[in-house]
C-alpha atoms as a PDB file:
ATOM      1  CA  MET A   1       9.677 137.330  98.512  1.00  0.00           C
ATOM      2  CA  LYS A   2       7.079 140.034  97.913  1.00  0.00           C
ATOM      3  CA  PHE A   3       8.478 140.597  94.416  1.00  0.00           C
ATOM      4  CA  LEU A   4       8.167 136.912  93.552  1.00  0.00           C
ATOM      5  CA  SER A   5       4.536 136.720  94.715  1.00  0.00           C
ATOM      6  CA  ALA A   6       3.643 139.696  92.551  1.00  0.00           C
ATOM      7  CA  TRP A   7       4.979 137.890  89.493  1.00  0.00           C
ATOM      8  CA  LEU A   8       2.975 134.809  90.420  1.00  0.00           C
ATOM      9  CA  GLY A   9      -0.144 136.966  90.593  1.00  0.00           C
ATOM     10  CA  ILE A  10       0.140 138.042  86.936  1.00  0.00           C
ATOM     11  CA  PRO A  11      -0.386 134.560  85.498  1.00  0.00           C
ATOM     12  CA  MET A  12      -3.424 134.096  87.811  1.00  0.00           C
ATOM     13  CA  LEU A  13      -4.814 137.390  86.561  1.00  0.00           C
ATOM     14  CA  VAL A  14      -4.309 136.325  82.924  1.00  0.00           C
ATOM     15  CA  ILE A  15      -5.975 132.931  83.634  1.00  0.00           C
ATOM     16  CA  GLY A  16      -8.907 134.704  85.294  1.00  0.00           C
ATOM     17  CA  LEU A  17      -9.319 137.021  82.277  1.00  0.00           C
ATOM     18  CA  LEU A  18      -9.150 134.125  79.871  1.00  0.00           C
ATOM     19  CA  LEU A  19     -11.826 132.245  81.839  1.00  0.00           C
ATOM     20  CA  GLU A  20     -14.065 135.269  81.762  1.00  0.00           C
ATOM     21  CA  LEU A  21     -13.593 135.570  77.963  1.00  0.00           C
ATOM     22  CA  LEU A  22     -14.396 131.906  77.528  1.00  0.00           C
ATOM     23  CA  ALA A  23     -17.487 132.196  79.655  1.00  0.00           C
ATOM     24  CA  GLY A  24     -18.548 135.194  77.602  1.00  0.00           C
ATOM     25  CA  SER A  25     -18.138 133.264  74.362  1.00  0.00           C
ATOM     26  CA  VAL A  26     -20.110 130.321  75.693  1.00  0.00           C
ATOM     27  CA  ALA A  27     -22.918 132.649  76.718  1.00  0.00           C
ATOM     28  CA  ALA A  28     -22.859 134.165  73.201  1.00  0.00           C
ATOM     29  CA  GLN A  29     -23.382 130.701  71.795  1.00  0.00           C
ATOM     30  CA  GLU A  30     -26.601 130.067  73.766  1.00  0.00           C
ATOM     31  CA  LEU A  31     -29.142 128.341  71.585  1.00  0.00           C
ATOM     32  CA  PRO A  32     -32.695 129.677  71.246  1.00  0.00           C
ATOM     33  CA  ILE A  33     -35.609 128.471  73.308  1.00  0.00           C
ATOM     34  CA  PRO A  34     -37.788 126.926  72.132  1.00  0.00           C
ATOM     35  CA  ARG A  35     -35.948 124.801  69.587  1.00  0.00           C
ATOM     36  CA  TRP A  36     -36.142 121.316  68.080  1.00  0.00           C
ATOM     37  CA  VAL A  37     -33.926 118.356  68.943  1.00  0.00           C
ATOM     38  CA  SER A  38     -34.148 114.589  68.622  1.00  0.00           C
ATOM     39  CA  LEU A  39     -33.501 111.671  70.954  1.00  0.00           C
ATOM     40  CA  ARG A  40     -29.956 110.325  70.783  1.00  0.00           C
ATOM     41  CA  SER A  41     -30.829 107.003  72.492  1.00  0.00           C
ATOM     42  CA  ASN A  42     -33.657 104.446  72.261  1.00  0.00           C
ATOM     43  CA  VAL A  43     -34.115 104.443  76.050  1.00  0.00           C
ATOM     44  CA  VAL A  44     -34.519 107.839  77.622  1.00  0.00           C
ATOM     45  CA  ASN A  45     -35.890 108.594  81.104  1.00  0.00           C
ATOM     46  CA  VAL A  46     -38.126 111.657  81.302  1.00  0.00           C
ATOM     47  CA  ARG A  47     -38.202 113.121  84.803  1.00  0.00           C
ATOM     48  CA  VAL A  48     -40.468 115.381  86.813  1.00  0.00           C
ATOM     49  CA  GLY A  49     -37.650 117.883  87.416  1.00  0.00           C
ATOM     50  CA  PRO A  50     -34.140 118.716  86.361  1.00  0.00           C
ATOM     51  CA  GLY A  51     -32.030 116.168  88.211  1.00  0.00           C
ATOM     52  CA  ARG A  52     -31.506 112.458  88.797  1.00  0.00           C
ATOM     53  CA  ASP A  53     -33.196 112.739  92.175  1.00  0.00           C
ATOM     54  CA  TYR A  54     -36.544 113.537  90.561  1.00  0.00           C
ATOM     55  CA  PRO A  55     -38.883 110.653  89.812  1.00  0.00           C
ATOM     56  CA  ILE A  56     -39.198 109.246  86.276  1.00  0.00           C
ATOM     57  CA  LEU A  57     -42.460 110.195  84.601  1.00  0.00           C
ATOM     58  CA  TRP A  58     -42.060 107.879  81.587  1.00  0.00           C
ATOM     59  CA  VAL A  59     -39.420 106.355  79.332  1.00  0.00           C
ATOM     60  CA  PHE A  60     -39.014 107.113  75.626  1.00  0.00           C
ATOM     61  CA  VAL A  61     -38.063 104.029  73.684  1.00  0.00           C
ATOM     62  CA  ARG A  62     -37.614 105.512  70.186  1.00  0.00           C
ATOM     63  CA  ASP A  63     -34.325 106.804  68.893  1.00  0.00           C
ATOM     64  CA  GLY A  64     -34.602 109.876  66.662  1.00  0.00           C
ATOM     65  CA  LEU A  65     -37.920 111.076  68.105  1.00  0.00           C
ATOM     66  CA  PRO A  66     -38.356 114.834  67.490  1.00  0.00           C
ATOM     67  CA  LEU A  67     -38.799 116.868  70.671  1.00  0.00           C
ATOM     68  CA  GLU A  68     -39.123 120.532  71.476  1.00  0.00           C
ATOM     69  CA  ILE A  69     -36.905 122.111  74.179  1.00  0.00           C
ATOM     70  CA  THR A  70     -38.967 124.539  76.180  1.00  0.00           C
ATOM     71  CA  ALA A  71     -36.557 125.354  79.049  1.00  0.00           C
ATOM     72  CA  GLU A  72     -33.016 124.673  80.235  1.00  0.00           C
ATOM     73  CA  PHE A  73     -31.498 124.280  83.716  1.00  0.00           C
ATOM     74  CA  ASP A  74     -27.817 123.435  83.951  1.00  0.00           C
ATOM     75  CA  VAL A  75     -27.381 120.198  81.924  1.00  0.00           C
ATOM     76  CA  TRP A  76     -31.099 119.430  81.945  1.00  0.00           C
ATOM     77  CA  ARG A  77     -33.608 120.238  79.201  1.00  0.00           C
ATOM     78  CA  ARG A  78     -37.374 120.459  79.626  1.00  0.00           C
ATOM     79  CA  ILE A  79     -38.856 118.847  76.527  1.00  0.00           C
ATOM     80  CA  ARG A  80     -42.309 118.636  74.949  1.00  0.00           C
ATOM     81  CA  ASP A  81     -43.417 115.684  72.824  1.00  0.00           C
ATOM     82  CA  ILE A  82     -45.990 115.503  70.059  1.00  0.00           C
ATOM     83  CA  ASP A  83     -48.755 114.914  72.588  1.00  0.00           C
ATOM     84  CA  GLY A  84     -47.884 118.062  74.502  1.00  0.00           C
ATOM     85  CA  GLU A  85     -46.487 116.185  77.454  1.00  0.00           C
ATOM     86  CA  GLU A  86     -43.458 117.814  79.160  1.00  0.00           C
ATOM     87  CA  GLY A  87     -40.643 116.516  81.330  1.00  0.00           C
ATOM     88  CA  TRP A  88     -36.925 116.873  81.972  1.00  0.00           C
ATOM     89  CA  VAL A  89     -34.114 115.007  80.120  1.00  0.00           C
ATOM     90  CA  HIS A  90     -30.311 115.183  80.513  1.00  0.00           C
ATOM     91  CA  LYS A  91     -28.821 116.976  77.486  1.00  0.00           C
ATOM     92  CA  ILE A  92     -26.439 114.103  76.729  1.00  0.00           C
ATOM     93  CA  LEU A  93     -29.490 112.108  75.653  1.00  0.00           C
ATOM     94  CA  LEU A  94     -30.485 114.706  73.038  1.00  0.00           C
ATOM     95  CA  SER A  95     -29.099 115.458  69.601  1.00  0.00           C
ATOM     96  CA  GLY A  96     -29.138 118.552  67.451  1.00  0.00           C
ATOM     97  CA  ALA A  97     -29.904 116.307  64.464  1.00  0.00           C
ATOM     98  CA  ARG A  98     -33.260 117.405  63.079  1.00  0.00           C
ATOM     99  CA  THR A  99     -35.969 114.895  62.560  1.00  0.00           C
ATOM    100  CA  VAL A 100     -39.679 115.253  61.982  1.00  0.00           C
ATOM    101  CA  MET A 101     -42.716 112.992  62.528  1.00  0.00           C
ATOM    102  CA  VAL A 102     -45.419 112.458  59.922  1.00  0.00           C
ATOM    103  CA  THR A 103     -48.842 113.495  61.220  1.00  0.00           C
ATOM    104  CA  GLY A 104     -52.439 112.755  60.214  1.00  0.00           C
ATOM    105  CA  GLY A 105     -53.132 109.782  57.953  1.00  0.00           C
ATOM    106  CA  ILE A 106     -51.044 108.225  55.241  1.00  0.00           C
ATOM    107  CA  ARG A 107     -48.940 110.898  53.497  1.00  0.00           C
ATOM    108  CA  THR A 108     -47.310 110.801  50.089  1.00  0.00           C
ATOM    109  CA  LEU A 109     -43.677 111.943  49.888  1.00  0.00           C
ATOM    110  CA  ARG A 110     -43.256 113.776  46.542  1.00  0.00           C
ATOM    111  CA  SER A 111     -40.233 113.951  44.237  1.00  0.00           C
ATOM    112  CA  ALA A 112     -40.491 117.793  44.130  1.00  0.00           C
ATOM    113  CA  PRO A 113     -42.134 120.449  46.238  1.00  0.00           C
ATOM    114  CA  ASP A 114     -45.377 120.289  44.287  1.00  0.00           C
ATOM    115  CA  ALA A 115     -48.671 118.536  45.023  1.00  0.00           C
ATOM    116  CA  TYR A 116     -48.620 117.022  41.475  1.00  0.00           C
ATOM    117  CA  ALA A 117     -44.993 115.803  41.561  1.00  0.00           C
ATOM    118  CA  GLY A 118     -44.449 112.051  41.302  1.00  0.00           C
ATOM    119  CA  PRO A 119     -44.764 109.949  44.491  1.00  0.00           C
ATOM    120  CA  VAL A 120     -41.637 108.647  46.175  1.00  0.00           C
ATOM    121  CA  LEU A 121     -43.202 106.687  49.016  1.00  0.00           C
ATOM    122  CA  GLN A 122     -46.119 106.731  51.392  1.00  0.00           C
ATOM    123  CA  ALA A 123     -45.688 107.158  55.107  1.00  0.00           C
ATOM    124  CA  GLU A 124     -48.147 106.588  57.922  1.00  0.00           C
ATOM    125  CA  ALA A 125     -48.601 108.943  60.890  1.00  0.00           C
ATOM    126  CA  GLY A 126     -45.836 108.413  63.393  1.00  0.00           C
ATOM    127  CA  VAL A 127     -43.080 107.656  60.848  1.00  0.00           C
ATOM    128  CA  ILE A 128     -39.865 109.597  61.602  1.00  0.00           C
ATOM    129  CA  GLY A 129     -37.688 111.099  58.922  1.00  0.00           C
ATOM    130  CA  ASP A 130     -34.506 113.174  58.855  1.00  0.00           C
ATOM    131  CA  LEU A 131     -35.260 116.790  58.101  1.00  0.00           C
ATOM    132  CA  LEU A 132     -33.063 118.055  55.178  1.00  0.00           C
ATOM    133  CA  GLU A 133     -34.571 121.440  54.280  1.00  0.00           C
ATOM    134  CA  CYS A 134     -37.709 123.562  54.436  1.00  0.00           C
ATOM    135  CA  ALA A 135     -38.620 126.428  52.179  1.00  0.00           C
ATOM    136  CA  GLY A 136     -42.063 127.929  52.088  1.00  0.00           C
ATOM    137  CA  VAL A 137     -44.782 125.396  52.725  1.00  0.00           C
ATOM    138  CA  TRP A 138     -42.696 122.318  51.783  1.00  0.00           C
ATOM    139  CA  CYS A 139     -40.037 120.360  53.656  1.00  0.00           C
ATOM    140  CA  ARG A 140     -37.577 117.866  52.169  1.00  0.00           C
ATOM    141  CA  LEU A 141     -36.857 114.799  54.262  1.00  0.00           C
ATOM    142  CA  GLU A 142     -35.342 111.361  54.112  1.00  0.00           C
ATOM    143  CA  ILE A 143     -37.310 108.336  55.203  1.00  0.00           C
ATOM    144  CA  ALA A 144     -35.746 104.820  54.975  1.00  0.00           C
ATOM    145  CA  GLY A 145     -33.130 106.061  52.501  1.00  0.00           C
ATOM    146  CA  ASP A 146     -35.635 107.749  50.167  1.00  0.00           C
ATOM    147  CA  ARG A 147     -35.767 111.516  49.817  1.00  0.00           C
ATOM    148  CA  GLY A 148     -38.754 113.585  49.000  1.00  0.00           C
ATOM    149  CA  TRP A 149     -41.029 116.494  49.931  1.00  0.00           C
ATOM    150  CA  LEU A 150     -44.044 116.832  52.217  1.00  0.00           C
ATOM    151  CA  PRO A 151     -46.116 119.907  53.095  1.00  0.00           C
ATOM    152  CA  ARG A 152     -44.887 121.408  56.350  1.00  0.00           C
ATOM    153  CA  VAL A 153     -48.367 121.124  57.892  1.00  0.00           C
ATOM    154  CA  GLN A 154     -48.125 117.295  57.654  1.00  0.00           C
ATOM    155  CA  LEU A 155     -45.038 117.278  59.913  1.00  0.00           C
ATOM    156  CA  TRP A 156     -44.327 117.700  63.618  1.00  0.00           C
ATOM    157  CA  GLY A 157     -40.878 118.962  64.461  1.00  0.00           C
ATOM    158  CA  VAL A 158     -40.583 122.199  62.411  1.00  0.00           C
ATOM    159  CA  TYR A 159     -41.976 125.641  63.122  1.00  0.00           C
ATOM    160  CA  PRO A 160     -44.456 127.221  60.666  1.00  0.00           C
ATOM    161  CA  ASP A 161     -42.052 129.943  59.324  1.00  0.00           C
ATOM    162  CA  GLU A 162     -38.754 128.216  60.054  1.00  0.00           C
ATOM    163  CA  VAL A 163     -36.185 128.071  57.300  1.00  0.00           C
ATOM    164  CA  VAL A 164     -34.105 124.933  57.308  1.00  0.00           C
ATOM    165  CA  ASP A 165     -31.244 124.492  54.847  1.00  0.00           C
END
Protein backbone atom coordinates (compact mmCIF):
# COMPACT_ATOMS: atom_id res chain seq x y z
CA MET A 1 0.00 0.00 0.00
CA LYS A 2 2.86 2.37 0.74
CA PHE A 3 4.24 1.76 -2.77
CA LEU A 4 0.88 2.68 -4.36
CA SER A 5 0.54 5.92 -2.38
CA ALA A 6 4.03 7.00 -3.49
CA TRP A 7 2.94 6.59 -7.13
CA LEU A 8 -0.18 8.63 -6.46
CA GLY A 9 1.96 11.41 -4.99
CA ILE A 10 3.91 11.88 -8.23
CA PRO A 11 0.91 13.09 -10.28
CA MET A 12 0.01 15.46 -7.45
CA LEU A 13 3.57 16.83 -7.49
CA VAL A 14 3.39 17.30 -11.28
CA ILE A 15 0.02 19.06 -10.99
CA GLY A 16 1.42 21.33 -8.27
CA LEU A 17 4.43 22.23 -10.43
CA LEU A 18 2.19 22.94 -13.41
CA LEU A 19 -0.01 25.22 -11.31
CA GLU A 20 3.07 27.13 -10.13
CA LEU A 21 4.26 27.54 -13.71
CA LEU A 22 0.83 28.76 -14.79
CA ALA A 23 0.71 31.21 -11.91
CA GLY A 24 4.14 32.49 -12.91
CA SER A 25 3.07 33.01 -16.52
CA VAL A 26 -0.03 34.89 -15.39
CA ALA A 27 2.10 37.13 -13.19
CA ALA A 28 4.43 37.75 -16.15
CA GLN A 29 1.42 38.96 -18.16
CA GLU A 30 0.41 41.63 -15.66
CA LEU A 31 -0.60 44.81 -17.41
CA PRO A 32 0.95 48.15 -16.51
CA ILE A 33 -0.66 50.60 -14.12
CA PRO A 34 -1.75 53.18 -15.01
CA ARG A 35 -3.28 52.17 -18.36
CA TRP A 36 -6.27 53.07 -20.52
CA VAL A 37 -9.43 51.02 -20.97
CA SER A 38 -12.99 51.68 -22.06
CA LEU A 39 -16.41 50.80 -20.72
CA ARG A 40 -17.82 47.55 -22.09
CA SER A 41 -21.40 48.32 -21.06
CA ASN A 42 -23.71 51.34 -21.13
CA VAL A 43 -24.64 50.87 -17.44
CA VAL A 44 -21.70 50.55 -15.05
CA ASN A 45 -21.82 51.00 -11.28
CA VAL A 46 -18.82 52.81 -9.82
CA ARG A 47 -18.26 51.87 -6.18
CA VAL A 48 -16.50 53.38 -3.18
CA GLY A 49 -14.30 50.29 -2.77
CA PRO A 50 -13.34 47.03 -4.47
CA GLY A 51 -16.37 44.82 -3.86
CA ARG A 52 -20.13 44.53 -4.29
CA ASP A 53 -20.64 45.34 -0.61
CA TYR A 54 -19.32 48.87 -1.11
CA PRO A 55 -21.86 51.61 -1.88
CA ILE A 56 -22.33 52.86 -5.43
CA LEU A 57 -20.87 56.36 -5.96
CA TRP A 58 -22.38 56.91 -9.40
CA VAL A 59 -23.41 55.04 -12.55
CA PHE A 60 -21.78 55.47 -15.96
CA VAL A 61 -24.32 55.30 -18.77
CA ARG A 62 -22.02 55.56 -21.79
CA ASP A 63 -20.60 52.54 -23.56
CA GLY A 64 -17.04 53.04 -24.86
CA LEU A 65 -16.12 55.81 -22.42
CA PRO A 66 -12.32 55.97 -22.01
CA LEU A 67 -11.08 55.49 -18.45
CA GLU A 68 -7.71 55.20 -16.77
CA ILE A 69 -6.98 52.28 -14.44
CA THR A 70 -5.02 53.57 -11.44
CA ALA A 71 -5.03 50.45 -9.22
CA GLU A 72 -6.11 46.81 -9.10
CA PHE A 73 -7.43 44.58 -6.34
CA ASP A 74 -8.43 41.03 -7.28
CA VAL A 75 -11.12 41.44 -10.00
CA TRP A 76 -11.70 45.12 -9.22
CA ARG A 77 -10.13 48.11 -10.95
CA ARG A 78 -9.88 51.62 -9.58
CA ILE A 79 -10.63 53.92 -12.49
CA ARG A 80 -10.34 57.65 -13.13
CA ASP A 81 -12.62 59.53 -15.50
CA ILE A 82 -12.01 62.71 -17.51
CA ASP A 83 -13.10 64.84 -14.53
CA GLY A 84 -10.53 63.20 -12.24
CA GLU A 85 -13.16 61.32 -10.25
CA GLU A 86 -12.14 57.85 -9.04
CA GLY A 87 -14.02 54.74 -8.03
CA TRP A 88 -13.96 50.95 -8.32
CA VAL A 89 -15.41 48.87 -11.18
CA HIS A 90 -15.49 45.11 -11.76
CA LYS A 91 -13.04 44.17 -14.54
CA ILE A 92 -15.73 42.35 -16.55
CA LEU A 93 -17.31 45.76 -17.25
CA LEU A 94 -14.10 47.09 -18.83
CA SER A 95 -12.60 46.49 -22.25
CA GLY A 96 -9.05 46.75 -23.53
CA ALA A 97 -10.42 48.42 -26.67
CA ARG A 98 -8.89 51.88 -26.88
CA THR A 99 -11.14 54.87 -27.20
CA VAL A 100 -10.51 58.57 -26.75
CA MET A 101 -12.70 61.57 -25.99
CA VAL A 102 -12.45 64.86 -27.86
CA THR A 103 -11.66 67.76 -25.49
CA GLY A 104 -12.00 71.52 -25.73
CA GLY A 105 -14.29 73.03 -28.35
CA ILE A 106 -15.23 71.86 -31.81
CA ARG A 107 -12.29 69.97 -33.36
CA THR A 108 -11.59 69.19 -37.01
CA LEU A 109 -10.59 65.64 -37.83
CA ARG A 110 -7.99 65.84 -40.66
CA SER A 111 -7.33 63.46 -43.57
CA ALA A 112 -3.60 63.34 -42.72
CA PRO A 113 -1.47 64.17 -39.66
CA ASP A 114 -1.04 67.78 -40.76
CA ALA A 115 -2.79 70.97 -39.63
CA TYR A 116 -3.37 71.91 -43.28
CA ALA A 117 -4.74 68.53 -44.43
CA GLY A 118 -8.32 68.42 -45.66
CA PRO A 119 -11.10 68.16 -43.09
CA VAL A 120 -12.89 64.84 -42.60
CA LEU A 121 -15.43 65.90 -39.98
CA GLN A 122 -15.90 68.16 -37.01
CA ALA A 123 -16.43 66.79 -33.51
CA GLU A 124 -17.57 68.53 -30.36
CA ALA A 125 -15.99 68.06 -26.96
CA GLY A 126 -17.25 64.82 -25.41
CA VAL A 127 -17.43 62.86 -28.67
CA ILE A 128 -15.87 59.40 -28.32
CA GLY A 129 -13.83 57.77 -31.07
CA ASP A 130 -11.93 54.52 -31.50
CA LEU A 131 -8.19 55.07 -31.19
CA LEU A 132 -6.37 53.52 -34.16
CA GLU A 133 -2.80 54.82 -33.83
CA CYS A 134 -0.67 57.62 -32.43
CA ALA A 135 2.69 58.78 -33.67
CA GLY A 136 4.31 61.98 -32.53
CA VAL A 137 1.79 64.70 -31.82
CA TRP A 138 -1.02 63.19 -33.95
CA CYS A 139 -3.48 60.37 -33.32
CA ARG A 140 -5.62 58.60 -35.89
CA LEU A 141 -9.12 57.71 -34.82
CA GLU A 142 -12.49 56.63 -36.12
CA ILE A 143 -15.65 58.54 -35.31
CA ALA A 144 -19.01 57.45 -36.72
CA GLY A 145 -17.33 55.40 -39.45
CA ASP A 146 -14.99 58.19 -40.60
CA ARG A 147 -11.25 58.03 -40.02
CA GLY A 148 -8.94 60.95 -39.53
CA TRP A 149 -6.27 62.63 -37.44
CA LEU A 150 -6.40 64.94 -34.42
CA PRO A 151 -3.57 66.42 -32.38
CA ARG A 152 -2.96 64.32 -29.29
CA VAL A 153 -3.47 67.35 -27.00
CA GLN A 154 -7.11 67.55 -28.17
CA LEU A 155 -7.85 64.04 -26.84
CA TRP A 156 -8.36 62.42 -23.46
CA GLY A 157 -7.47 58.75 -23.28
CA VAL A 158 -3.88 58.63 -24.52
CA TYR A 159 -0.63 59.45 -22.71
CA PRO A 160 1.61 62.29 -24.01
CA ASP A 161 4.45 60.06 -25.23
CA GLU A 162 2.51 56.84 -25.80
CA VAL A 163 2.97 55.06 -29.11
CA VAL A 164 -0.18 53.33 -30.33
CA ASP A 165 -0.10 51.20 -33.47
